[in-house]
Amino acid sequence: MINDLTGTMLHLLMHKSRRLAFFLLASALMSASAQAAEEAGTILSFTGKVEILRGLEKRPPGNHGALYSGESIVTGNGQAQIRFADGTLLTLYRDTQFAIDDYHYGKDKSDRAQFSLVNGVMHTLTGKIDKKNYLLKTRFANLGVRGTEYSMQLDEALHVSVDQGQVQLANAAGSVLVGAGQSILITGANSMPAPVVTGRAGPGGGQGGPGRGHGGGGHGGPGGGAASSGGAAGGTAGAPPPPGTGKF
């Protein structure tokens, strides 16, 4: 009986040891994967539910925690503010998924910033990265910048609003420049309308877009519907806060 009990205990210890070894190995591989990737930036602050994804791996963000090339940031009911190595500032609002596809910033000439917005709302002020090598991809159009502050909302359509500088949007239908005080609403990958003048959107002002307004006018951004260029749209219940509030 003693031998049976001893054997059972040894079996349990071996089983637990295997599980512990597997856990330690997985942790080491996750750490090595993060270290092998290039550090892209830092989470300045976050609220609510925010997760960092790399493949099937998930980790909590942590204030002033590092972000790496190849990772995605997913917000649930929260939001996050990020500073990239070149000084680019980014705010992600709730229900947003943003990917750092390929980022490098340093003293050599291979600077690049390639991102993807899968869904949600973002506001950004670009930094020192070479603007020729900046690319933001979405399912409706890709975006390049020319020294820029802009906001974007992606859901059933793509809303872009520019506060400073210019962005260039391109898809199968062609390309267009959107300048400061303009916004654009793209409803498909084969559609490229002309931008409209919105002014510098403020609370309750202009034609909205995903800019700084609170969804009180025209082309709805956060809080605004997908209005036509001639019509207004009211705010959507539960819409995310406008990118102008508490940013940077």
Protein backbone atom coordinates (compact mmCIF):
# COMPACT_ATOMS: atom_id res chain seq x y z
CA MET A 1 0.00 0.00 0.00
CA ILE A 2 2.89 2.31 0.86
CA ASN A 3 4.46 1.54 -2.49
CA ASP A 4 1.20 2.36 -4.27
CA LEU A 5 0.92 5.69 -2.40
CA THR A 6 4.54 6.53 -3.16
CA GLY A 7 4.01 5.73 -6.80
CA THR A 8 0.91 7.92 -6.97
CA MET A 9 2.73 10.85 -5.38
CA LEU A 10 5.66 10.49 -7.75
CA HIS A 11 3.27 10.42 -10.70
CA LEU A 12 1.55 13.61 -9.51
CA LEU A 13 4.88 15.34 -8.95
CA MET A 14 6.09 14.37 -12.41
CA HIS A 15 2.82 15.61 -13.95
CA LYS A 16 3.09 18.95 -12.13
CA SER A 17 6.74 19.23 -13.08
CA ARG A 18 5.87 18.74 -16.75
CA ARG A 19 3.18 21.44 -16.53
CA LEU A 20 5.58 23.80 -14.77
CA ALA A 21 8.28 23.13 -17.34
CA PHE A 22 5.82 23.77 -20.17
CA PHE A 23 4.69 27.03 -18.55
CA LEU A 24 8.28 28.20 -18.05
CA LEU A 25 9.15 27.30 -21.64
CA ALA A 26 6.11 29.15 -23.00
CA SER A 27 6.97 32.20 -20.90
CA ALA A 28 10.55 32.13 -22.11
CA LEU A 29 9.46 31.86 -25.74
CA MET A 30 7.04 34.80 -25.34
CA SER A 31 9.79 36.88 -23.77
CA ALA A 32 12.27 35.93 -26.48
CA SER A 33 9.71 36.74 -29.18
CA ALA A 34 9.11 40.21 -27.74
CA GLN A 35 12.82 40.86 -27.35
CA ALA A 36 13.54 39.72 -30.90
CA ALA A 37 10.98 42.21 -32.26
CA GLU A 38 11.98 45.84 -32.41
CA GLU A 39 10.58 48.13 -29.76
CA ALA A 40 8.22 50.54 -31.50
CA GLY A 41 6.85 52.70 -28.74
CA THR A 42 5.38 53.06 -25.27
CA ILE A 43 1.89 53.07 -23.83
CA LEU A 44 1.63 56.43 -22.07
CA SER A 45 -1.67 55.62 -20.39
CA PHE A 46 -4.76 53.48 -20.74
CA THR A 47 -8.18 53.05 -19.17
CA GLY A 48 -10.65 50.19 -19.22
CA LYS A 49 -10.02 46.95 -21.07
CA VAL A 50 -6.96 47.04 -23.36
CA GLU A 51 -4.98 44.03 -24.60
CA ILE A 52 -1.77 43.58 -26.58
CA LEU A 53 -1.78 40.74 -29.12
CA ARG A 54 1.04 38.92 -30.89
CA GLY A 55 -0.36 36.04 -32.88
CA LEU A 56 -2.40 33.99 -30.41
CA GLU A 57 -0.60 35.45 -27.39
CA LYS A 58 -2.22 38.12 -25.22
CA ARG A 59 -0.73 40.32 -22.55
CA PRO A 60 -1.91 43.28 -20.47
CA PRO A 61 -0.53 46.67 -21.51
CA GLY A 62 0.80 48.32 -18.35
CA ASN A 63 1.38 52.07 -18.12
CA HIS A 64 4.66 52.98 -19.82
CA GLY A 65 4.92 49.41 -21.07
CA ALA A 66 6.78 48.76 -24.32
CA LEU A 67 5.10 47.98 -27.64
CA TYR A 68 6.86 46.02 -30.35
CA SER A 69 6.73 45.77 -34.11
CA GLY A 70 4.34 42.96 -35.03
CA GLU A 71 1.94 43.55 -32.13
CA SER A 72 -1.69 44.72 -32.14
CA ILE A 73 -3.50 46.86 -29.60
CA VAL A 74 -7.14 45.99 -28.96
CA THR A 75 -9.40 48.17 -26.85
CA GLY A 76 -12.67 46.89 -25.44
CA ASN A 77 -14.43 49.42 -23.28
CA GLY A 78 -11.20 51.37 -22.79
CA GLN A 79 -8.78 53.57 -24.66
CA ALA A 80 -5.01 53.95 -24.90
CA GLN A 81 -2.51 56.70 -25.63
CA ILE A 82 0.76 55.68 -27.29
CA ARG A 83 4.02 57.43 -28.15
CA PHE A 84 6.17 55.87 -30.86
CA ALA A 85 9.95 56.07 -30.95
CA ASP A 86 9.92 58.90 -33.52
CA GLY A 87 7.53 61.00 -31.42
CA THR A 88 4.32 60.04 -33.22
CA LEU A 89 1.38 60.28 -30.80
CA LEU A 90 -1.64 58.03 -31.13
CA THR A 91 -4.91 57.76 -29.25
CA LEU A 92 -7.05 54.65 -29.70
CA TYR A 93 -10.67 54.81 -28.55
CA ARG A 94 -12.92 51.99 -27.45
CA ASP A 95 -13.69 48.96 -29.63
CA THR A 96 -10.61 49.58 -31.76
CA GLN A 97 -8.02 47.20 -33.18
CA PHE A 98 -4.77 48.74 -34.42
CA ALA A 99 -1.75 46.78 -35.68
CA ILE A 100 1.93 47.77 -35.73
CA ASP A 101 2.76 45.80 -38.86
CA ASP A 102 6.36 46.93 -39.40
CA TYR A 103 8.03 49.75 -37.50
CA HIS A 104 11.65 50.86 -37.42
CA TYR A 105 13.11 54.20 -36.39
CA GLY A 106 16.80 54.85 -35.93
CA LYS A 107 19.92 56.50 -37.27
CA ASP A 108 20.04 54.53 -40.51
CA LYS A 109 18.01 55.26 -43.62
CA SER A 110 15.56 52.37 -43.33
CA ASP A 111 12.94 54.17 -41.22
CA ARG A 112 9.46 52.82 -41.78
CA ALA A 113 6.08 52.96 -40.12
CA GLN A 114 3.48 50.55 -41.47
CA PHE A 115 0.24 50.19 -39.55
CA SER A 116 -3.25 48.75 -40.00
CA LEU A 117 -6.56 49.90 -38.58
CA VAL A 118 -8.89 46.89 -38.47
CA ASN A 119 -11.81 48.75 -36.90
CA GLY A 120 -12.56 51.56 -34.51
CA VAL A 121 -11.54 55.17 -33.93
CA MET A 122 -8.08 56.73 -33.74
CA HIS A 123 -6.46 60.15 -33.64
CA THR A 124 -2.78 60.73 -34.41
CA LEU A 125 -0.12 63.40 -34.72
CA THR A 126 2.81 62.13 -36.78
CA GLY A 127 6.40 62.54 -35.59
CA LYS A 128 9.86 62.47 -37.18
CA ILE A 129 9.49 59.27 -39.21
CA ASP A 130 10.18 59.73 -42.92
CA LYS A 131 6.72 60.52 -44.29
CA LYS A 132 7.49 58.70 -47.55
CA ASN A 133 7.68 55.49 -45.52
CA TYR A 134 4.49 55.97 -43.49
CA LEU A 135 1.55 53.77 -44.46
CA LEU A 136 -1.74 53.05 -42.71
CA LYS A 137 -3.79 50.25 -44.26
CA THR A 138 -7.53 49.71 -44.00
CA ARG A 139 -9.94 47.49 -45.93
CA PHE A 140 -11.30 50.50 -47.86
CA ALA A 141 -8.15 52.48 -48.64
CA ASN A 142 -4.52 52.98 -47.69
CA LEU A 143 -3.31 56.26 -46.23
CA GLY A 144 -0.01 58.14 -46.49
CA VAL A 145 0.86 61.40 -44.75
CA ARG A 146 2.69 64.66 -45.33
CA GLY A 147 3.35 65.99 -41.84
CA THR A 148 -0.06 65.50 -40.40
CA GLU A 149 -2.59 65.42 -37.60
CA TYR A 150 -5.66 63.43 -38.53
CA SER A 151 -8.49 61.28 -37.18
CA MET A 152 -10.00 58.12 -38.58
CA GLN A 153 -13.08 56.02 -37.92
CA LEU A 154 -13.53 52.63 -39.57
CA ASP A 155 -16.77 50.66 -39.40
CA GLU A 156 -19.20 50.18 -42.30
CA ALA A 157 -17.34 53.02 -44.01
CA LEU A 158 -14.05 54.87 -43.63
CA HIS A 159 -14.19 58.42 -42.26
CA VAL A 160 -11.01 60.53 -42.31
CA SER A 161 -10.70 64.10 -41.04
CA VAL A 162 -7.50 66.19 -41.25
CA ASP A 163 -6.58 68.89 -38.74
CA GLN A 164 -3.06 69.71 -39.96
CA GLY A 165 -1.04 68.86 -43.06
CA GLN A 166 -2.30 66.45 -45.72
CA VAL A 167 -3.08 62.80 -46.14
CA GLN A 168 -3.26 60.84 -49.37
CA LEU A 169 -5.82 58.06 -49.65
CA ALA A 170 -5.60 55.43 -52.37
CA ASN A 171 -7.57 52.36 -53.43
CA ALA A 172 -8.68 50.62 -56.64
CA ALA A 173 -10.69 53.71 -57.67
CA GLY A 174 -7.70 56.07 -57.54
CA SER A 175 -6.14 58.45 -55.04
CA VAL A 176 -7.01 61.80 -53.49
CA LEU A 177 -5.34 64.36 -51.24
CA VAL A 178 -7.24 65.49 -48.14
CA GLY A 179 -5.96 68.69 -46.56
CA ALA A 180 -6.37 70.51 -43.28
CA GLY A 181 -10.00 71.36 -42.62
CA GLN A 182 -11.26 68.63 -44.98
CA SER A 183 -12.78 65.21 -44.47
CA ILE A 184 -13.74 62.26 -46.65
CA LEU A 185 -16.17 59.36 -46.40
CA ILE A 186 -15.20 56.21 -48.33
CA THR A 187 -17.86 53.51 -48.53
CA GLY A 188 -15.96 50.81 -50.44
CA ALA A 189 -12.62 49.70 -51.84
CA ASN A 190 -13.79 50.70 -55.35
CA SER A 191 -15.03 54.14 -54.35
CA MET A 192 -13.01 57.35 -53.97
CA PRO A 193 -15.16 60.48 -53.55
CA ALA A 194 -13.82 64.02 -53.41
CA PRO A 195 -13.08 65.42 -49.96
CA VAL A 196 -15.38 68.04 -48.49
CA VAL A 197 -14.49 71.18 -46.57
CA THR A 198 -15.38 70.75 -42.92
CA GLY A 199 -13.44 73.52 -41.21
CA ARG A 200 -11.60 72.79 -38.02
CA ALA A 201 -14.26 70.73 -36.36
CA GLY A 202 -15.06 71.59 -32.78
CA PRO A 203 -17.80 70.70 -30.33
CA GLY A 204 -21.01 70.84 -32.32
CA GLY A 205 -19.29 72.40 -35.31
CA GLY A 206 -18.69 71.71 -38.98
CA GLN A 207 -19.52 68.58 -40.88
CA GLY A 208 -18.09 66.34 -38.26
CA GLY A 209 -16.02 63.48 -39.66
CA PRO A 210 -14.08 61.52 -37.09
CA GLY A 211 -12.45 64.74 -35.97
CA ARG A 212 -13.00 66.83 -32.89
CA GLY A 213 -16.76 67.37 -33.07
CA HIS A 214 -19.24 65.67 -30.81
CA GLY A 215 -21.32 64.25 -33.65
CA GLY A 216 -23.55 67.30 -33.87
CA GLY A 217 -23.11 67.99 -37.57
CA GLY A 218 -22.73 66.60 -41.12
CA HIS A 219 -20.54 63.59 -41.92
CA GLY A 220 -20.70 61.83 -38.60
CA GLY A 221 -17.47 60.81 -36.92
CA PRO A 222 -17.46 59.39 -33.44
CA GLY A 223 -21.07 59.99 -32.60
CA GLY A 224 -22.09 60.86 -36.16
CA GLY A 225 -23.81 58.77 -38.76
CA ALA A 226 -22.59 58.23 -42.31
CA ALA A 227 -24.38 61.26 -43.68
CA SER A 228 -24.37 62.29 -47.31
CA SER A 229 -22.38 65.39 -48.24
CA GLY A 230 -25.51 67.48 -48.20
CA GLY A 231 -27.14 66.20 -45.04
CA ALA A 232 -26.59 66.15 -41.33
CA ALA A 233 -26.52 63.18 -39.06
CA GLY A 234 -27.22 63.07 -35.40
CA GLY A 235 -25.04 61.45 -32.77
CA THR A 236 -25.09 57.75 -32.22
CA ALA A 237 -25.90 56.58 -28.74
CA GLY A 238 -22.85 55.31 -26.90
CA ALA A 239 -20.41 56.74 -29.46
CA PRO A 240 -16.76 57.02 -28.44
CA PRO A 241 -15.44 60.33 -27.13
CA PRO A 242 -14.27 62.73 -29.82
CA PRO A 243 -10.53 62.57 -30.55
CA GLY A 244 -10.12 66.19 -29.47
CA THR A 245 -10.89 65.44 -25.82
CA GLY A 246 -8.00 64.87 -23.48
CA LYS A 247 -5.54 63.99 -26.25
CA PHE A 248 -1.78 64.17 -25.98
